[in-house]
Amino acid sequence: MKSMAEAQNDPLLPGYSFNAHLVAGLTPIEANGYLDFFIDRPLGMKGYILNLTIRGQGGG
């Protein structure tokens, strides 16, 4: 995994900065897959994340 000092260029992985980007599309998250992870933002974030779960169960 990249350190927090390195820029992450993949918007689906932790460390990506959404400061100037709108990211849209499908994210096929499967249980125990490489996109199945938890992101902790103790200081919050600027912006919004909208999720639509069409199959399975959303977190919360």
PDB file of N, CA and C in Angstrom:
ATOM      1  N   MET A   1       0.844  -1.179   0.000  1.00  0.00           N
ATOM      2  CA  MET A   1       0.000   0.000   0.000  1.00  0.00           C
ATOM      3  C   MET A   1       0.887   1.240   0.000  1.00  0.00           C
ATOM      4  N   LYS A   2       0.448   2.283  -0.664  1.00  0.00           N
ATOM      5  CA  LYS A   2       1.225   3.513  -0.751  1.00  0.00           C
ATOM      6  C   LYS A   2       1.170   4.262   0.576  1.00  0.00           C
ATOM      7  N   SER A   3       2.241   4.997   0.869  1.00  0.00           N
ATOM      8  CA  SER A   3       2.227   5.830   2.067  1.00  0.00           C
ATOM      9  C   SER A   3       1.338   7.038   1.808  1.00  0.00           C
ATOM     10  N   MET A   4       0.913   7.697   2.883  1.00  0.00           N
ATOM     11  CA  MET A   4       0.025   8.847   2.751  1.00  0.00           C
ATOM     12  C   MET A   4       0.709  10.001   2.016  1.00  0.00           C
ATOM     13  N   ALA A   5       2.055  10.034   1.998  1.00  0.00           N
ATOM     14  CA  ALA A   5       2.780  11.102   1.322  1.00  0.00           C
ATOM     15  C   ALA A   5       2.746  10.935  -0.197  1.00  0.00           C
ATOM     16  N   GLU A   6       2.581   9.707  -0.675  1.00  0.00           N
ATOM     17  CA  GLU A   6       2.542   9.451  -2.109  1.00  0.00           C
ATOM     18  C   GLU A   6       1.140   9.715  -2.656  1.00  0.00           C
ATOM     19  N   ALA A   7       1.075  10.217  -3.870  1.00  0.00           N
ATOM     20  CA  ALA A   7      -0.213  10.446  -4.511  1.00  0.00           C
ATOM     21  C   ALA A   7      -0.777   9.122  -5.008  1.00  0.00           C
ATOM     22  N   GLN A   8      -2.040   8.921  -4.777  1.00  0.00           N
ATOM     23  CA  GLN A   8      -2.733   7.727  -5.267  1.00  0.00           C
ATOM     24  C   GLN A   8      -3.518   8.150  -6.505  1.00  0.00           C
ATOM     25  N   ASN A   9      -3.265   7.534  -7.637  1.00  0.00           N
ATOM     26  CA  ASN A   9      -3.926   7.912  -8.881  1.00  0.00           C
ATOM     27  C   ASN A   9      -5.142   7.069  -9.210  1.00  0.00           C
ATOM     28  N   ASP A  10      -5.414   6.046  -8.442  1.00  0.00           N
ATOM     29  CA  ASP A  10      -6.580   5.196  -8.669  1.00  0.00           C
ATOM     30  C   ASP A  10      -7.708   5.655  -7.750  1.00  0.00           C
ATOM     31  N   PRO A  11      -8.795   6.226  -8.294  1.00  0.00           N
ATOM     32  CA  PRO A  11      -9.860   6.763  -7.444  1.00  0.00           C
ATOM     33  C   PRO A  11     -10.610   5.706  -6.641  1.00  0.00           C
ATOM     34  N   LEU A  12     -10.385   4.436  -6.922  1.00  0.00           N
ATOM     35  CA  LEU A  12     -11.074   3.390  -6.180  1.00  0.00           C
ATOM     36  C   LEU A  12     -10.304   2.933  -4.945  1.00  0.00           C
ATOM     37  N   LEU A  13      -9.079   3.406  -4.768  1.00  0.00           N
ATOM     38  CA  LEU A  13      -8.243   2.932  -3.671  1.00  0.00           C
ATOM     39  C   LEU A  13      -7.980   4.032  -2.647  1.00  0.00           C
ATOM     40  N   PRO A  14      -7.698   3.644  -1.399  1.00  0.00           N
ATOM     41  CA  PRO A  14      -7.420   4.635  -0.351  1.00  0.00           C
ATOM     42  C   PRO A  14      -6.247   5.534  -0.722  1.00  0.00           C
ATOM     43  N   GLY A  15      -6.322   6.775  -0.291  1.00  0.00           N
ATOM     44  CA  GLY A  15      -5.247   7.722  -0.558  1.00  0.00           C
ATOM     45  C   GLY A  15      -5.491   8.616  -1.757  1.00  0.00           C
ATOM     46  N   TYR A  16      -6.540   8.341  -2.537  1.00  0.00           N
ATOM     47  CA  TYR A  16      -6.848   9.176  -3.701  1.00  0.00           C
ATOM     48  C   TYR A  16      -7.446  10.497  -3.227  1.00  0.00           C
ATOM     49  N   SER A  17      -6.989  11.600  -3.767  1.00  0.00           N
ATOM     50  CA  SER A  17      -7.502  12.917  -3.403  1.00  0.00           C
ATOM     51  C   SER A  17      -8.631  13.305  -4.354  1.00  0.00           C
ATOM     52  N   PHE A  18      -9.805  13.585  -3.776  1.00  0.00           N
ATOM     53  CA  PHE A  18     -10.953  13.996  -4.584  1.00  0.00           C
ATOM     54  C   PHE A  18     -11.083  15.517  -4.619  1.00  0.00           C
ATOM     55  N   ASN A  19     -10.027  16.232  -4.284  1.00  0.00           N
ATOM     56  CA  ASN A  19     -10.113  17.683  -4.138  1.00  0.00           C
ATOM     57  C   ASN A  19     -10.603  18.402  -5.387  1.00  0.00           C
ATOM     58  N   ALA A  20     -10.269  17.935  -6.560  1.00  0.00           N
ATOM     59  CA  ALA A  20     -10.634  18.660  -7.774  1.00  0.00           C
ATOM     60  C   ALA A  20     -11.264  17.752  -8.817  1.00  0.00           C
ATOM     61  N   HIS A  21     -11.823  16.636  -8.392  1.00  0.00           N
ATOM     62  CA  HIS A  21     -12.323  15.677  -9.360  1.00  0.00           C
ATOM     63  C   HIS A  21     -13.724  15.195  -9.012  1.00  0.00           C
ATOM     64  N   LEU A  22     -14.492  14.944 -10.030  1.00  0.00           N
ATOM     65  CA  LEU A  22     -15.763  14.253  -9.891  1.00  0.00           C
ATOM     66  C   LEU A  22     -15.544  12.855 -10.446  1.00  0.00           C
ATOM     67  N   VAL A  23     -15.797  11.870  -9.644  1.00  0.00           N
ATOM     68  CA  VAL A  23     -15.587  10.490 -10.055  1.00  0.00           C
ATOM     69  C   VAL A  23     -16.943   9.808 -10.089  1.00  0.00           C
ATOM     70  N   ALA A  24     -17.278   9.214 -11.211  1.00  0.00           N
ATOM     71  CA  ALA A  24     -18.554   8.523 -11.345  1.00  0.00           C
ATOM     72  C   ALA A  24     -18.326   7.205 -12.059  1.00  0.00           C
ATOM     73  N   GLY A  25     -19.237   6.302 -11.853  1.00  0.00           N
ATOM     74  CA  GLY A  25     -19.141   5.024 -12.538  1.00  0.00           C
ATOM     75  C   GLY A  25     -19.545   3.887 -11.631  1.00  0.00           C
ATOM     76  N   LEU A  26     -19.327   2.697 -12.101  1.00  0.00           N
ATOM     77  CA  LEU A  26     -19.660   1.500 -11.339  1.00  0.00           C
ATOM     78  C   LEU A  26     -18.426   1.003 -10.605  1.00  0.00           C
ATOM     79  N   THR A  27     -18.616   0.620  -9.369  1.00  0.00           N
ATOM     80  CA  THR A  27     -17.530   0.043  -8.580  1.00  0.00           C
ATOM     81  C   THR A  27     -17.966  -1.345  -8.146  1.00  0.00           C
ATOM     82  N   PRO A  28     -17.500  -2.373  -8.821  1.00  0.00           N
ATOM     83  CA  PRO A  28     -17.924  -3.740  -8.498  1.00  0.00           C
ATOM     84  C   PRO A  28     -17.211  -4.265  -7.253  1.00  0.00           C
ATOM     85  N   ILE A  29     -17.776  -3.969  -6.077  1.00  0.00           N
ATOM     86  CA  ILE A  29     -17.159  -4.402  -4.823  1.00  0.00           C
ATOM     87  C   ILE A  29     -17.714  -5.764  -4.446  1.00  0.00           C
ATOM     88  N   GLU A  30     -16.832  -6.730  -4.336  1.00  0.00           N
ATOM     89  CA  GLU A  30     -17.210  -8.077  -3.928  1.00  0.00           C
ATOM     90  C   GLU A  30     -16.578  -8.379  -2.583  1.00  0.00           C
ATOM     91  N   ALA A  31     -17.282  -9.149  -1.751  1.00  0.00           N
ATOM     92  CA  ALA A  31     -16.772  -9.510  -0.428  1.00  0.00           C
ATOM     93  C   ALA A  31     -15.384 -10.122  -0.537  1.00  0.00           C
ATOM     94  N   ASN A  32     -14.466  -9.624   0.280  1.00  0.00           N
ATOM     95  CA  ASN A  32     -13.077 -10.083   0.352  1.00  0.00           C
ATOM     96  C   ASN A  32     -12.268  -9.801  -0.913  1.00  0.00           C
ATOM     97  N   GLY A  33     -12.799  -8.973  -1.820  1.00  0.00           N
ATOM     98  CA  GLY A  33     -12.061  -8.584  -3.017  1.00  0.00           C
ATOM     99  C   GLY A  33     -11.119  -7.431  -2.706  1.00  0.00           C
ATOM    100  N   TYR A  34     -10.331  -7.005  -3.699  1.00  0.00           N
ATOM    101  CA  TYR A  34      -9.346  -5.953  -3.439  1.00  0.00           C
ATOM    102  C   TYR A  34      -9.996  -4.591  -3.205  1.00  0.00           C
ATOM    103  N   LEU A  35     -11.267  -4.407  -3.571  1.00  0.00           N
ATOM    104  CA  LEU A  35     -11.968  -3.154  -3.298  1.00  0.00           C
ATOM    105  C   LEU A  35     -12.805  -3.218  -2.021  1.00  0.00           C
ATOM    106  N   ASP A  36     -12.760  -4.318  -1.298  1.00  0.00           N
ATOM    107  CA  ASP A  36     -13.524  -4.482  -0.055  1.00  0.00           C
ATOM    108  C   ASP A  36     -12.636  -4.068   1.118  1.00  0.00           C
ATOM    109  N   PHE A  37     -12.692  -2.788   1.485  1.00  0.00           N
ATOM    110  CA  PHE A  37     -11.872  -2.279   2.586  1.00  0.00           C
ATOM    111  C   PHE A  37     -12.606  -1.136   3.269  1.00  0.00           C
ATOM    112  N   PHE A  38     -12.127  -0.750   4.433  1.00  0.00           N
ATOM    113  CA  PHE A  38     -12.703   0.320   5.235  1.00  0.00           C
ATOM    114  C   PHE A  38     -11.763   1.514   5.173  1.00  0.00           C
ATOM    115  N   ILE A  39     -12.312   2.707   4.963  1.00  0.00           N
ATOM    116  CA  ILE A  39     -11.511   3.928   4.960  1.00  0.00           C
ATOM    117  C   ILE A  39     -11.892   4.735   6.190  1.00  0.00           C
ATOM    118  N   ASP A  40     -10.918   5.040   7.030  1.00  0.00           N
ATOM    119  CA  ASP A  40     -11.137   5.824   8.241  1.00  0.00           C
ATOM    120  C   ASP A  40     -10.696   7.257   7.979  1.00  0.00           C
ATOM    121  N   ARG A  41     -11.623   8.192   8.100  1.00  0.00           N
ATOM    122  CA  ARG A  41     -11.302   9.612   7.926  1.00  0.00           C
ATOM    123  C   ARG A  41     -11.640  10.324   9.233  1.00  0.00           C
ATOM    124  N   PRO A  42     -10.735  10.282  10.216  1.00  0.00           N
ATOM    125  CA  PRO A  42     -11.039  10.858  11.524  1.00  0.00           C
ATOM    126  C   PRO A  42     -11.308  12.360  11.484  1.00  0.00           C
ATOM    127  N   LEU A  43     -10.801  13.060  10.495  1.00  0.00           N
ATOM    128  CA  LEU A  43     -11.037  14.499  10.376  1.00  0.00           C
ATOM    129  C   LEU A  43     -12.134  14.814   9.367  1.00  0.00           C
ATOM    130  N   GLY A  44     -12.836  13.801   8.912  1.00  0.00           N
ATOM    131  CA  GLY A  44     -13.896  14.012   7.938  1.00  0.00           C
ATOM    132  C   GLY A  44     -13.337  14.236   6.546  1.00  0.00           C
ATOM    133  N   MET A  45     -14.175  14.773   5.680  1.00  0.00           N
ATOM    134  CA  MET A  45     -13.742  15.044   4.320  1.00  0.00           C
ATOM    135  C   MET A  45     -14.579  16.175   3.748  1.00  0.00           C
ATOM    136  N   LYS A  46     -14.050  16.840   2.746  1.00  0.00           N
ATOM    137  CA  LYS A  46     -14.798  17.862   2.031  1.00  0.00           C
ATOM    138  C   LYS A  46     -15.424  17.188   0.825  1.00  0.00           C
ATOM    139  N   GLY A  47     -16.704  17.370   0.645  1.00  0.00           N
ATOM    140  CA  GLY A  47     -17.372  16.779  -0.502  1.00  0.00           C
ATOM    141  C   GLY A  47     -18.395  15.749  -0.094  1.00  0.00           C
ATOM    142  N   TYR A  48     -18.836  14.983  -1.053  1.00  0.00           N
ATOM    143  CA  TYR A  48     -19.905  14.024  -0.842  1.00  0.00           C
ATOM    144  C   TYR A  48     -19.576  12.702  -1.511  1.00  0.00           C
ATOM    145  N   ILE A  49     -20.102  11.645  -0.946  1.00  0.00           N
ATOM    146  CA  ILE A  49     -20.058  10.336  -1.577  1.00  0.00           C
ATOM    147  C   ILE A  49     -21.491   9.827  -1.609  1.00  0.00           C
ATOM    148  N   LEU A  50     -21.976   9.501  -2.776  1.00  0.00           N
ATOM    149  CA  LEU A  50     -23.314   8.937  -2.935  1.00  0.00           C
ATOM    150  C   LEU A  50     -23.162   7.494  -3.372  1.00  0.00           C
ATOM    151  N   ASN A  51     -23.806   6.598  -2.667  1.00  0.00           N
ATOM    152  CA  ASN A  51     -23.731   5.178  -2.997  1.00  0.00           C
ATOM    153  C   ASN A  51     -25.123   4.642  -3.283  1.00  0.00           C
ATOM    154  N   LEU A  52     -25.235   3.785  -4.264  1.00  0.00           N
ATOM    155  CA  LEU A  52     -26.472   3.088  -4.588  1.00  0.00           C
ATOM    156  C   LEU A  52     -26.165   1.604  -4.581  1.00  0.00           C
ATOM    157  N   THR A  53     -26.777   0.895  -3.654  1.00  0.00           N
ATOM    158  CA  THR A  53     -26.587  -0.549  -3.576  1.00  0.00           C
ATOM    159  C   THR A  53     -27.744  -1.210  -4.312  1.00  0.00           C
ATOM    160  N   ILE A  54     -27.436  -1.965  -5.368  1.00  0.00           N
ATOM    161  CA  ILE A  54     -28.498  -2.600  -6.144  1.00  0.00           C
ATOM    162  C   ILE A  54     -28.609  -4.084  -5.860  1.00  0.00           C
ATOM    163  N   ARG A  55     -27.601  -4.634  -5.185  1.00  0.00           N
ATOM    164  CA  ARG A  55     -27.619  -6.049  -4.874  1.00  0.00           C
ATOM    165  C   ARG A  55     -26.852  -6.231  -3.577  1.00  0.00           C
ATOM    166  N   GLY A  56     -27.312  -7.077  -2.713  1.00  0.00           N
ATOM    167  CA  GLY A  56     -26.629  -7.282  -1.440  1.00  0.00           C
ATOM    168  C   GLY A  56     -27.119  -6.289  -0.409  1.00  0.00           C
ATOM    169  N   GLN A  57     -26.198  -5.815   0.432  1.00  0.00           N
ATOM    170  CA  GLN A  57     -26.566  -4.933   1.531  1.00  0.00           C
ATOM    171  C   GLN A  57     -25.527  -3.836   1.678  1.00  0.00           C
ATOM    172  N   GLY A  58     -25.981  -2.595   1.780  1.00  0.00           N
ATOM    173  CA  GLY A  58     -25.073  -1.481   2.004  1.00  0.00           C
ATOM    174  C   GLY A  58     -24.619  -1.437   3.450  1.00  0.00           C
ATOM    175  N   GLY A  59     -23.467  -0.839   3.691  1.00  0.00           N
ATOM    176  CA  GLY A  59     -22.949  -0.705   5.056  1.00  0.00           C
ATOM    177  C   GLY A  59     -23.676   0.391   5.808  1.00  0.00           C
ATOM    178  N   GLY A  60     -23.471   0.415   7.094  1.00  0.00           N
ATOM    179  CA  GLY A  60     -24.085   1.505   7.845  1.00  0.00           C
ATOM    180  C   GLY A  60     -24.470   1.144   9.159  1.00  0.00           C
TER     181      GLY A  60
END
